[in-house]
Amino acid sequence: MSDTTTQPRGRIGRIVAASLIGTTIEWYDFFLYGSAAALVFNTLFFPSADPLVGTLIAFVTYAIGFAARPLGGIVFGHFGDKIGRKKLLVLSLLMMGGATFAMGLLPTYESIGVWAPILLTVLRLVQGFALGGEWGGAVLIVSEHGGDKHRGFWASWPQAGAPGGNLLATGVLSLLAAVQSDAAFQSWGWRIPFLLSGLLVMIGLWIRVSVSESPVFLEAQAKAEAAAAAGVKEEAPVVEVFKRSWREVLSAIGTRFGENISYYILTSFLLVYVTVHLELPKSTALNAVLIGSAVHFVTIPLWGALSDRIGRRPVTLIGSAGMAVWAFVFFGMVDSKSFVVITLAVTAGLLLHGAMYGPQAAFISEMFDTKVRYSGASMGSQLASILAGALAPIIAVELLKDYGSSTPISIYLCAAAVITTITVAVTRETLGRDLTRNKQDEDLAPVPVAAGGDRG
């Protein structure tokens, strides 16, 4: 969409707010499980003599949520490309919030035995399915409402929902840890953040149902209906993605690979490393992540805005190359056992993560044509979540368990960042793409080079 059709600032602001609040709530629900897996689920739902074994099993169910995300991406992507982005965003929020609220009501292993972890796993699958459809819709409805010139900035705001949700989840847990004894938190206090999700979802729905459908999608839908009336048959979006846009799907996976792994190492795994390996109070890790997430939340849109000036690739490469180095610095600082130093390590790591994450929504959205954009963006993103984010805490815990050292984890994190660096280096720059045009049309036209940008 050219800037001549950019939405008025007030309207785009409402759309951004609706996407941000919705993604913040959904990520709150998703990250809450990750934090609880490290702090309470390992003993309440997966009791074991070895704390690391119980934590490892809890993180396996955490990974199961990721396994459901590609399926959610396929289903939500298909219908999102057919009937619109808005309807699917409302559904994803309801599913996520309902599953999280139900977790807060679950009996523990002590009460109902093996049914407790089974029910917890089923609800985690629902969470993953819903989140698999959320990301693509949230970033697309913003990307497709805004114009070309500031798309990186506007589309980065739904991305800020990830640290926003983590900030909210960690903040609630930190508050409860401060005002409750460990016994009270283990007994009933952990349920409060999950039950709070019900109220948050109601607020999110009230805001989200007020936004308008994407004008780029409506235009593409009208063309598709006209083609169908003329007897032209189109393939299902997911089929078309894998037939004609598989390279873009691979690029999206590689772009997210290092970003995904680094985030879960810097946040979820840190809770295990600090509390189990370093034997520090859980408040040390929670408060460090809390402060780091606040800085992360503020800086993600700044990275998105910078990508509007110099390109998606250069900003992403700053983050991925920096993370490859920081992987070794990070654990050395955490091992100091100083709260201040740990907080600085987390904050700096999340700043580098933000450089990868901020431009990502615009970068991946611009890779695909409108009629398959929801499916393509969701599939690339969610397949990466299985290969990267789902396994990251499990691999990190296993490496710590086997070697008793952070060095193998640093090597793992560095390798992931290098994969993203290589992927982005060979991917074409997308800055300035008109989302109303097909890639085939743009390939025939001269590609303008933005100041400072690299078109690859």
Protein backbone atom coordinates (compact mmCIF):
# COMPACT_ATOMS: atom_id res chain seq x y z
CA MET A 1 0.00 0.00 0.00
CA SER A 2 1.41 3.34 -0.94
CA ASP A 3 1.59 6.20 1.47
CA THR A 4 -1.19 8.00 -0.36
CA THR A 5 -3.57 5.50 1.21
CA THR A 6 -2.07 5.49 4.67
CA GLN A 7 -4.69 5.48 7.41
CA PRO A 8 -5.18 8.65 9.49
CA ARG A 9 -2.91 8.71 12.54
CA GLY A 10 -5.82 8.36 14.98
CA ARG A 11 -7.15 5.27 13.22
CA ILE A 12 -3.79 3.55 12.88
CA GLY A 13 -3.19 4.37 16.55
CA ARG A 14 -6.38 2.53 17.56
CA ILE A 15 -5.45 -0.45 15.41
CA VAL A 16 -1.95 -0.58 16.89
CA ALA A 17 -3.39 -0.32 20.40
CA ALA A 18 -5.83 -3.16 19.76
CA SER A 19 -3.09 -5.39 18.38
CA LEU A 20 -0.64 -4.49 21.14
CA ILE A 21 -3.10 -5.10 23.97
CA GLY A 22 -4.25 -8.37 22.43
CA THR A 23 -0.73 -9.69 21.84
CA THR A 24 0.36 -8.56 25.31
CA ILE A 25 -2.46 -10.57 26.89
CA GLU A 26 -1.79 -13.63 24.74
CA TRP A 27 1.94 -13.52 25.43
CA TYR A 28 1.18 -12.99 29.13
CA ASP A 29 -0.76 -16.25 29.06
CA PHE A 30 1.95 -18.09 27.12
CA PHE A 31 4.91 -16.82 29.17
CA LEU A 32 3.09 -17.34 32.43
CA TYR A 33 3.24 -21.06 31.74
CA GLY A 34 6.98 -20.86 31.03
CA SER A 35 7.65 -19.07 34.30
CA ALA A 36 5.38 -21.45 36.23
CA ALA A 37 7.10 -24.45 34.61
CA ALA A 38 10.40 -23.24 36.05
CA LEU A 39 9.03 -22.27 39.47
CA VAL A 40 6.04 -24.44 40.49
CA PHE A 41 4.81 -26.90 37.86
CA ASN A 42 7.94 -29.03 38.25
CA THR A 43 6.87 -29.96 41.80
CA LEU A 44 3.06 -29.62 41.70
CA PHE A 45 2.37 -31.44 38.45
CA PHE A 46 5.60 -33.35 37.70
CA PRO A 47 7.06 -34.41 41.08
CA SER A 48 10.56 -35.93 40.91
CA ALA A 49 13.46 -36.51 43.29
CA ASP A 50 15.82 -34.53 41.03
CA PRO A 51 14.74 -30.86 40.67
CA LEU A 52 16.31 -30.61 37.21
CA VAL A 53 14.45 -33.74 36.01
CA GLY A 54 11.12 -32.33 37.19
CA THR A 55 11.92 -29.02 35.51
CA LEU A 56 12.92 -30.82 32.32
CA ILE A 57 9.58 -32.67 32.19
CA ALA A 58 7.73 -29.41 32.86
CA PHE A 59 9.60 -27.78 29.97
CA VAL A 60 8.63 -30.72 27.72
CA THR A 61 4.98 -29.78 28.19
CA TYR A 62 6.07 -26.18 27.60
CA ALA A 63 7.46 -27.36 24.25
CA ILE A 64 4.21 -29.17 23.43
CA GLY A 65 2.54 -25.77 23.30
CA PHE A 66 5.01 -24.80 20.60
CA ALA A 67 4.26 -28.01 18.68
CA ALA A 68 0.64 -26.93 18.33
CA ARG A 69 1.57 -23.51 16.97
CA PRO A 70 2.19 -24.52 13.31
CA LEU A 71 -1.20 -26.24 13.24
CA GLY A 72 -2.74 -23.06 14.60
CA GLY A 73 -0.81 -21.11 11.97
CA ILE A 74 -2.18 -23.33 9.18
CA VAL A 75 -5.81 -23.21 10.34
CA PHE A 76 -5.89 -19.54 11.31
CA GLY A 77 -3.80 -18.62 8.28
CA HIS A 78 -6.16 -20.40 5.89
CA PHE A 79 -9.29 -18.76 7.25
CA GLY A 80 -7.53 -15.44 7.85
CA ASP A 81 -6.62 -15.32 4.15
CA LYS A 82 -10.18 -16.28 3.23
CA ILE A 83 -12.52 -14.42 5.60
CA GLY A 84 -10.29 -11.75 7.16
CA ARG A 85 -7.80 -10.99 9.89
CA LYS A 86 -10.11 -9.48 12.51
CA LYS A 87 -12.46 -12.45 13.13
CA LEU A 88 -9.56 -14.81 13.69
CA LEU A 89 -7.85 -12.42 16.11
CA VAL A 90 -10.96 -12.37 18.30
CA LEU A 91 -11.13 -16.18 18.27
CA SER A 92 -7.45 -16.61 19.14
CA LEU A 93 -7.78 -14.30 22.14
CA LEU A 94 -10.80 -16.22 23.46
CA MET A 95 -9.08 -19.59 23.10
CA MET A 96 -5.86 -18.46 24.76
CA GLY A 97 -7.56 -16.72 27.66
CA GLY A 98 -9.97 -19.59 28.28
CA ALA A 99 -7.16 -22.15 28.43
CA THR A 100 -5.08 -20.03 30.81
CA PHE A 101 -8.03 -19.35 33.12
CA ALA A 102 -8.75 -23.10 33.24
CA MET A 103 -5.12 -23.79 34.25
CA GLY A 104 -5.71 -21.68 37.34
CA LEU A 105 -8.52 -24.05 38.37
CA LEU A 106 -6.67 -27.34 37.80
CA PRO A 107 -6.15 -29.78 40.69
CA THR A 108 -2.51 -30.79 41.23
CA TYR A 109 -0.84 -34.21 40.98
CA GLU A 110 -1.37 -34.74 44.71
CA SER A 111 -5.15 -34.42 44.25
CA ILE A 112 -5.92 -36.33 41.04
CA GLY A 113 -2.67 -38.07 40.15
CA VAL A 114 -1.70 -38.50 36.52
CA TRP A 115 -4.79 -36.64 35.28
CA ALA A 116 -3.28 -33.38 36.51
CA PRO A 117 -0.35 -33.32 34.05
CA ILE A 118 -2.59 -34.72 31.28
CA LEU A 119 -5.14 -31.91 31.64
CA LEU A 120 -2.35 -29.34 31.94
CA THR A 121 -0.84 -30.63 28.69
CA VAL A 122 -4.19 -30.47 26.85
CA LEU A 123 -4.67 -26.86 27.92
CA ARG A 124 -1.11 -26.10 26.85
CA LEU A 125 -1.95 -27.47 23.39
CA VAL A 126 -4.93 -25.10 23.19
CA GLN A 127 -2.64 -22.22 24.17
CA GLY A 128 -0.15 -23.10 21.46
CA PHE A 129 -2.84 -23.51 18.81
CA ALA A 130 -4.27 -20.08 19.61
CA LEU A 131 -0.90 -18.34 19.69
CA GLY A 132 0.01 -19.95 16.37
CA GLY A 133 -2.80 -17.97 14.77
CA GLU A 134 -2.37 -14.80 16.79
CA TRP A 135 1.03 -13.58 15.66
CA GLY A 136 0.36 -13.52 11.93
CA GLY A 137 -3.00 -11.80 12.25
CA ALA A 138 -1.85 -9.19 14.75
CA VAL A 139 1.16 -8.02 12.76
CA LEU A 140 -0.67 -8.19 9.43
CA ILE A 141 -3.66 -6.10 10.42
CA VAL A 142 -1.22 -3.35 11.47
CA SER A 143 1.12 -3.78 8.50
CA GLU A 144 -1.77 -3.67 6.03
CA HIS A 145 -3.38 -0.60 7.59
CA GLY A 146 -0.20 1.49 7.67
CA GLY A 147 1.71 2.88 4.69
CA ASP A 148 5.07 1.84 3.30
CA LYS A 149 7.09 4.67 4.86
CA HIS A 150 6.54 3.85 8.55
CA ARG A 151 5.51 0.18 8.37
CA GLY A 152 8.51 -1.03 10.38
CA PHE A 153 7.60 1.28 13.26
CA TRP A 154 3.86 0.57 13.33
CA ALA A 155 4.25 -3.20 12.83
CA SER A 156 6.82 -3.41 15.62
CA TRP A 157 4.25 -2.45 18.25
CA PRO A 158 2.47 -5.84 18.23
CA GLN A 159 5.97 -7.30 18.62
CA ALA A 160 6.31 -5.28 21.81
CA GLY A 161 3.43 -7.40 23.13
CA ALA A 162 5.94 -10.21 23.74
CA PRO A 163 8.05 -8.34 26.32
CA GLY A 164 4.85 -6.62 27.44
CA GLY A 165 3.29 -9.98 28.24
CA ASN A 166 6.49 -11.22 29.82
CA LEU A 167 6.70 -8.00 31.82
CA LEU A 168 3.15 -8.48 33.04
CA ALA A 169 3.59 -12.18 33.85
CA THR A 170 6.95 -11.70 35.58
CA GLY A 171 5.65 -8.62 37.41
CA VAL A 172 2.65 -10.46 38.82
CA LEU A 173 4.83 -13.41 39.86
CA SER A 174 7.41 -11.08 41.43
CA LEU A 175 4.70 -9.26 43.38
CA LEU A 176 3.28 -12.53 44.68
CA ALA A 177 6.76 -13.77 45.58
CA ALA A 178 7.34 -10.56 47.56
CA VAL A 179 4.09 -10.64 49.55
CA GLN A 180 3.69 -14.39 49.99
CA SER A 181 5.73 -17.05 51.66
CA ASP A 182 7.09 -19.84 49.43
CA ALA A 183 4.62 -22.23 51.04
CA ALA A 184 1.62 -20.00 50.28
CA PHE A 185 2.79 -19.43 46.70
CA GLN A 186 3.24 -23.17 46.13
CA SER A 187 -0.12 -23.93 47.75
CA TRP A 188 -2.46 -21.44 46.10
CA GLY A 189 -0.73 -18.17 45.17
CA TRP A 190 0.48 -19.44 41.79
CA ARG A 191 -3.16 -19.70 40.64
CA ILE A 192 -3.82 -15.95 40.88
CA PRO A 193 -1.94 -14.92 37.69
CA PHE A 194 -3.77 -17.61 35.69
CA LEU A 195 -7.21 -16.57 36.94
CA LEU A 196 -6.34 -12.92 36.26
CA SER A 197 -6.20 -13.83 32.57
CA GLY A 198 -10.01 -14.01 32.46
CA LEU A 199 -10.33 -10.30 33.30
CA LEU A 200 -7.54 -9.33 30.89
CA VAL A 201 -9.20 -11.19 28.03
CA MET A 202 -12.46 -9.32 28.54
CA ILE A 203 -10.59 -6.02 28.30
CA GLY A 204 -8.71 -7.20 25.20
CA LEU A 205 -11.89 -8.33 23.45
CA TRP A 206 -13.63 -5.04 24.14
CA ILE A 207 -10.81 -3.20 22.39
CA ARG A 208 -10.12 -5.71 19.61
CA VAL A 209 -13.71 -5.98 18.28
CA SER A 210 -13.72 -2.22 17.63
CA VAL A 211 -11.02 -2.26 14.92
CA SER A 212 -11.76 -2.33 11.19
CA GLU A 213 -10.70 -5.05 8.80
CA SER A 214 -7.49 -4.63 6.80
CA PRO A 215 -8.14 -2.54 3.65
CA VAL A 216 -5.41 -4.44 1.78
CA PHE A 217 -7.17 -7.72 2.59
CA LEU A 218 -10.59 -6.33 1.56
CA GLU A 219 -9.15 -5.26 -1.79
CA ALA A 220 -7.58 -8.69 -2.34
CA GLN A 221 -10.82 -10.40 -1.26
CA ALA A 222 -12.82 -8.40 -3.79
CA LYS A 223 -10.42 -9.44 -6.56
CA ALA A 224 -10.62 -13.08 -5.48
CA GLU A 225 -14.43 -12.98 -5.51
CA ALA A 226 -14.41 -11.44 -8.96
CA ALA A 227 -12.02 -14.14 -10.18
CA ALA A 228 -14.21 -16.85 -8.64
CA ALA A 229 -17.28 -15.40 -10.36
CA ALA A 230 -15.37 -15.61 -13.65
CA GLY A 231 -14.73 -19.29 -13.03
CA VAL A 232 -11.09 -19.03 -11.90
CA LYS A 233 -10.28 -21.59 -9.20
CA GLU A 234 -7.67 -20.78 -6.58
CA GLU A 235 -5.73 -23.24 -4.46
CA ALA A 236 -5.91 -23.20 -0.68
CA PRO A 237 -3.54 -20.53 0.70
CA VAL A 238 -1.36 -23.04 2.56
CA VAL A 239 -0.92 -25.11 -0.62
CA GLU A 240 -0.02 -22.04 -2.64
CA VAL A 241 2.49 -20.96 0.01
CA PHE A 242 4.43 -24.19 -0.21
CA LYS A 243 4.23 -24.34 -3.99
CA ARG A 244 5.23 -20.77 -4.80
CA SER A 245 6.60 -19.17 -1.63
CA TRP A 246 8.61 -21.93 0.03
CA ARG A 247 11.81 -19.88 -0.22
CA GLU A 248 10.15 -17.09 1.75
CA VAL A 249 8.98 -19.61 4.35
CA LEU A 250 12.56 -20.82 4.77
CA SER A 251 13.77 -17.21 5.01
CA ALA A 252 11.19 -16.51 7.73
CA ILE A 253 12.27 -19.62 9.66
CA GLY A 254 15.94 -18.66 9.48
CA THR A 255 15.20 -15.04 10.40
CA ARG A 256 13.37 -16.15 13.54
CA PHE A 257 15.75 -18.97 14.51
CA GLY A 258 18.36 -17.08 16.53
CA GLU A 259 15.81 -14.55 17.76
CA ASN A 260 13.55 -17.31 19.12
CA ILE A 261 16.27 -19.30 20.86
CA SER A 262 17.94 -16.26 22.38
CA TYR A 263 14.69 -14.98 23.88
CA TYR A 264 13.86 -18.19 25.72
CA ILE A 265 17.43 -18.62 26.94
CA LEU A 266 17.50 -15.04 28.25
CA THR A 267 14.14 -15.33 30.00
CA SER A 268 12.65 -18.79 30.72
CA PHE A 269 15.90 -20.73 31.05
CA LEU A 270 17.46 -17.96 33.12
CA LEU A 271 14.94 -18.70 35.88
CA VAL A 272 16.17 -22.30 36.06
CA TYR A 273 19.85 -21.38 35.83
CA VAL A 274 19.68 -18.80 38.59
CA THR A 275 17.47 -20.74 41.02
CA VAL A 276 18.74 -24.32 40.52
CA HIS A 277 22.34 -23.98 39.29
CA LEU A 278 23.39 -20.81 41.14
CA GLU A 279 20.99 -21.47 44.06
CA LEU A 280 19.88 -17.84 44.25
CA PRO A 281 16.36 -16.69 45.26
CA LYS A 282 13.82 -16.80 42.43
CA SER A 283 13.21 -13.08 42.99
CA THR A 284 16.73 -12.38 41.65
CA ALA A 285 15.93 -13.85 38.24
CA LEU A 286 12.34 -12.57 38.16
CA ASN A 287 13.33 -8.98 38.93
CA ALA A 288 16.22 -9.06 36.45
CA VAL A 289 13.85 -10.22 33.70
CA LEU A 290 11.29 -7.66 34.84
CA ILE A 291 13.72 -4.75 34.40
CA GLY A 292 15.12 -6.13 31.16
CA SER A 293 11.63 -6.63 29.72
CA ALA A 294 10.70 -3.01 30.50
CA VAL A 295 13.69 -1.76 28.48
CA HIS A 296 12.94 -4.34 25.78
CA PHE A 297 9.33 -3.13 25.50
CA VAL A 298 10.38 0.48 24.97
CA THR A 299 13.18 -0.19 22.49
CA ILE A 300 11.48 -2.64 20.11
CA PRO A 301 9.54 0.15 18.31
CA LEU A 302 12.77 2.17 18.09
CA TRP A 303 14.45 -0.70 16.26
CA GLY A 304 11.38 -0.93 14.01
CA ALA A 305 11.62 2.79 13.24
CA LEU A 306 15.33 2.45 12.45
CA SER A 307 14.49 -0.31 9.97
CA ASP A 308 12.29 2.22 8.13
CA ARG A 309 15.40 4.33 7.58
CA ILE A 310 18.20 1.86 6.86
CA GLY A 311 16.37 -1.36 6.01
CA ARG A 312 15.10 -4.52 7.72
CA ARG A 313 18.27 -6.49 7.06
CA PRO A 314 20.89 -4.14 8.57
CA VAL A 315 18.96 -3.77 11.84
CA THR A 316 18.36 -7.51 12.12
CA LEU A 317 22.04 -8.19 11.47
CA ILE A 318 23.03 -5.83 14.29
CA GLY A 319 21.02 -8.02 16.65
CA SER A 320 22.05 -11.44 15.33
CA ALA A 321 25.77 -10.70 15.06
CA GLY A 322 25.73 -9.01 18.46
CA MET A 323 23.94 -11.98 20.02
CA ALA A 324 26.54 -14.40 18.67
CA VAL A 325 29.14 -12.54 20.74
CA TRP A 326 26.93 -11.81 23.74
CA ALA A 327 26.17 -15.53 24.15
CA PHE A 328 29.57 -15.93 25.85
CA VAL A 329 29.52 -12.67 27.80
CA PHE A 330 26.02 -13.28 29.16
CA PHE A 331 26.64 -16.32 31.36
CA GLY A 332 29.94 -14.95 32.63
CA MET A 333 28.02 -11.96 34.00
CA VAL A 334 25.20 -14.10 35.39
CA ASP A 335 27.72 -16.32 37.18
CA SER A 336 28.82 -13.28 39.20
CA LYS A 337 25.66 -13.84 41.31
CA SER A 338 25.33 -10.06 41.57
CA PHE A 339 21.77 -8.85 40.99
CA VAL A 340 22.99 -5.67 39.31
CA VAL A 341 25.33 -7.54 36.95
CA ILE A 342 22.69 -10.19 36.15
CA THR A 343 20.20 -7.43 35.34
CA LEU A 344 22.70 -5.71 33.05
CA ALA A 345 23.38 -9.03 31.30
CA VAL A 346 19.68 -9.68 30.69
CA THR A 347 18.96 -6.10 29.61
CA ALA A 348 21.83 -5.96 27.11
CA GLY A 349 20.83 -9.36 25.73
CA LEU A 350 17.22 -8.25 25.28
CA LEU A 351 18.38 -5.05 23.55
CA LEU A 352 20.16 -7.19 20.96
CA HIS A 353 17.14 -9.46 20.73
CA GLY A 354 14.98 -6.38 20.05
CA ALA A 355 17.13 -5.50 17.05
CA MET A 356 16.14 -8.85 15.54
CA TYR A 357 12.55 -8.75 16.75
CA GLY A 358 11.58 -5.13 16.06
CA PRO A 359 11.87 -5.20 12.23
CA GLN A 360 10.67 -8.80 12.01
CA ALA A 361 6.93 -8.15 11.65
CA ALA A 362 7.39 -5.85 8.66
CA PHE A 363 10.22 -7.95 7.22
CA ILE A 364 8.23 -11.22 7.19
CA SER A 365 4.94 -9.56 6.19
CA GLU A 366 6.63 -8.00 3.17
CA MET A 367 7.91 -11.38 1.99
CA PHE A 368 4.44 -12.65 1.00
CA ASP A 369 1.57 -11.61 -1.30
CA THR A 370 -1.72 -10.54 0.31
CA LYS A 371 -3.77 -13.61 -0.61
CA VAL A 372 -1.31 -15.94 1.19
CA ARG A 373 0.27 -13.49 3.65
CA TYR A 374 -1.47 -14.74 6.79
CA SER A 375 -0.67 -18.37 5.92
CA GLY A 376 2.90 -17.70 4.82
CA ALA A 377 3.85 -15.43 7.71
CA SER A 378 2.22 -17.76 10.25
CA MET A 379 3.80 -20.92 8.85
CA GLY A 380 7.31 -19.47 8.66
CA SER A 381 7.02 -18.01 12.13
CA GLN A 382 5.47 -21.03 13.82
CA LEU A 383 7.69 -23.66 12.21
CA ALA A 384 10.60 -21.67 13.61
CA SER A 385 8.95 -21.81 17.02
CA ILE A 386 9.16 -25.62 16.98
CA LEU A 387 12.72 -25.82 15.71
CA ALA A 388 13.95 -23.01 17.94
CA GLY A 389 11.86 -21.73 20.84
CA ALA A 390 10.22 -25.03 21.80
CA LEU A 391 13.51 -26.85 22.15
CA ALA A 392 15.64 -24.04 23.55
CA PRO A 393 14.82 -24.44 27.29
CA ILE A 394 14.91 -28.25 26.98
CA ILE A 395 18.28 -28.30 25.24
CA ALA A 396 19.68 -25.71 27.65
CA VAL A 397 18.51 -27.65 30.73
CA GLU A 398 19.86 -30.91 29.29
CA LEU A 399 23.24 -29.30 28.51
CA LEU A 400 23.40 -27.88 32.04
CA LYS A 401 22.44 -31.25 33.50
CA ASP A 402 25.07 -33.15 31.47
CA TYR A 403 27.97 -30.71 31.67
CA GLY A 404 27.26 -28.60 34.75
CA SER A 405 28.60 -25.59 32.84
CA SER A 406 27.18 -22.71 30.81
CA THR A 407 29.79 -22.98 28.03
CA PRO A 408 27.88 -25.54 25.90
CA ILE A 409 24.77 -23.35 26.23
CA SER A 410 26.74 -20.32 25.02
CA ILE A 411 27.94 -22.30 21.99
CA TYR A 412 24.35 -23.37 21.25
CA LEU A 413 23.10 -19.79 21.46
CA CYS A 414 25.97 -18.49 19.32
CA ALA A 415 25.29 -21.10 16.62
CA ALA A 416 21.62 -20.12 16.50
CA ALA A 417 22.54 -16.44 16.07
CA VAL A 418 24.97 -17.32 13.27
CA ILE A 419 22.19 -19.20 11.41
CA THR A 420 20.01 -16.09 11.52
CA THR A 421 22.92 -13.90 10.43
CA ILE A 422 23.56 -16.07 7.37
CA THR A 423 19.86 -16.27 6.49
CA VAL A 424 19.30 -12.53 6.65
CA ALA A 425 22.52 -11.84 4.74
CA VAL A 426 21.24 -13.83 1.74
CA THR A 427 17.60 -12.65 1.94
CA ARG A 428 16.41 -9.80 -0.27
CA GLU A 429 15.67 -6.46 1.42
CA THR A 430 11.93 -5.75 1.60
CA LEU A 431 11.92 -2.10 2.73
CA GLY A 432 9.43 0.00 0.74
CA ARG A 433 7.45 -2.88 -0.73
CA ASP A 434 3.90 -2.02 -1.84
CA LEU A 435 1.74 -4.67 -0.13
CA THR A 436 -1.06 -4.25 -2.68
CA ARG A 437 1.17 -5.56 -5.49
CA ASN A 438 2.23 -9.15 -6.13
CA LYS A 439 5.91 -10.00 -5.99
CA GLN A 440 5.84 -10.97 -9.68
CA ASP A 441 4.69 -7.45 -10.57
CA GLU A 442 7.40 -5.85 -8.44
CA ASP A 443 10.09 -8.08 -9.92
CA LEU A 444 9.33 -6.52 -13.31
CA ALA A 445 9.60 -2.97 -11.97
CA PRO A 446 12.75 -1.05 -10.92
CA VAL A 447 13.37 -1.37 -7.18
CA PRO A 448 14.09 1.98 -5.48
CA VAL A 449 16.95 1.97 -3.01
CA ALA A 450 16.27 3.82 0.25
CA ALA A 451 19.01 5.95 1.72
CA GLY A 452 21.33 3.70 3.63
CA GLY A 453 19.33 0.62 2.64
CA ASP A 454 20.68 -2.51 0.99
CA ARG A 455 18.45 -4.28 -1.44
CA GLY A 456 20.42 -7.48 -1.32
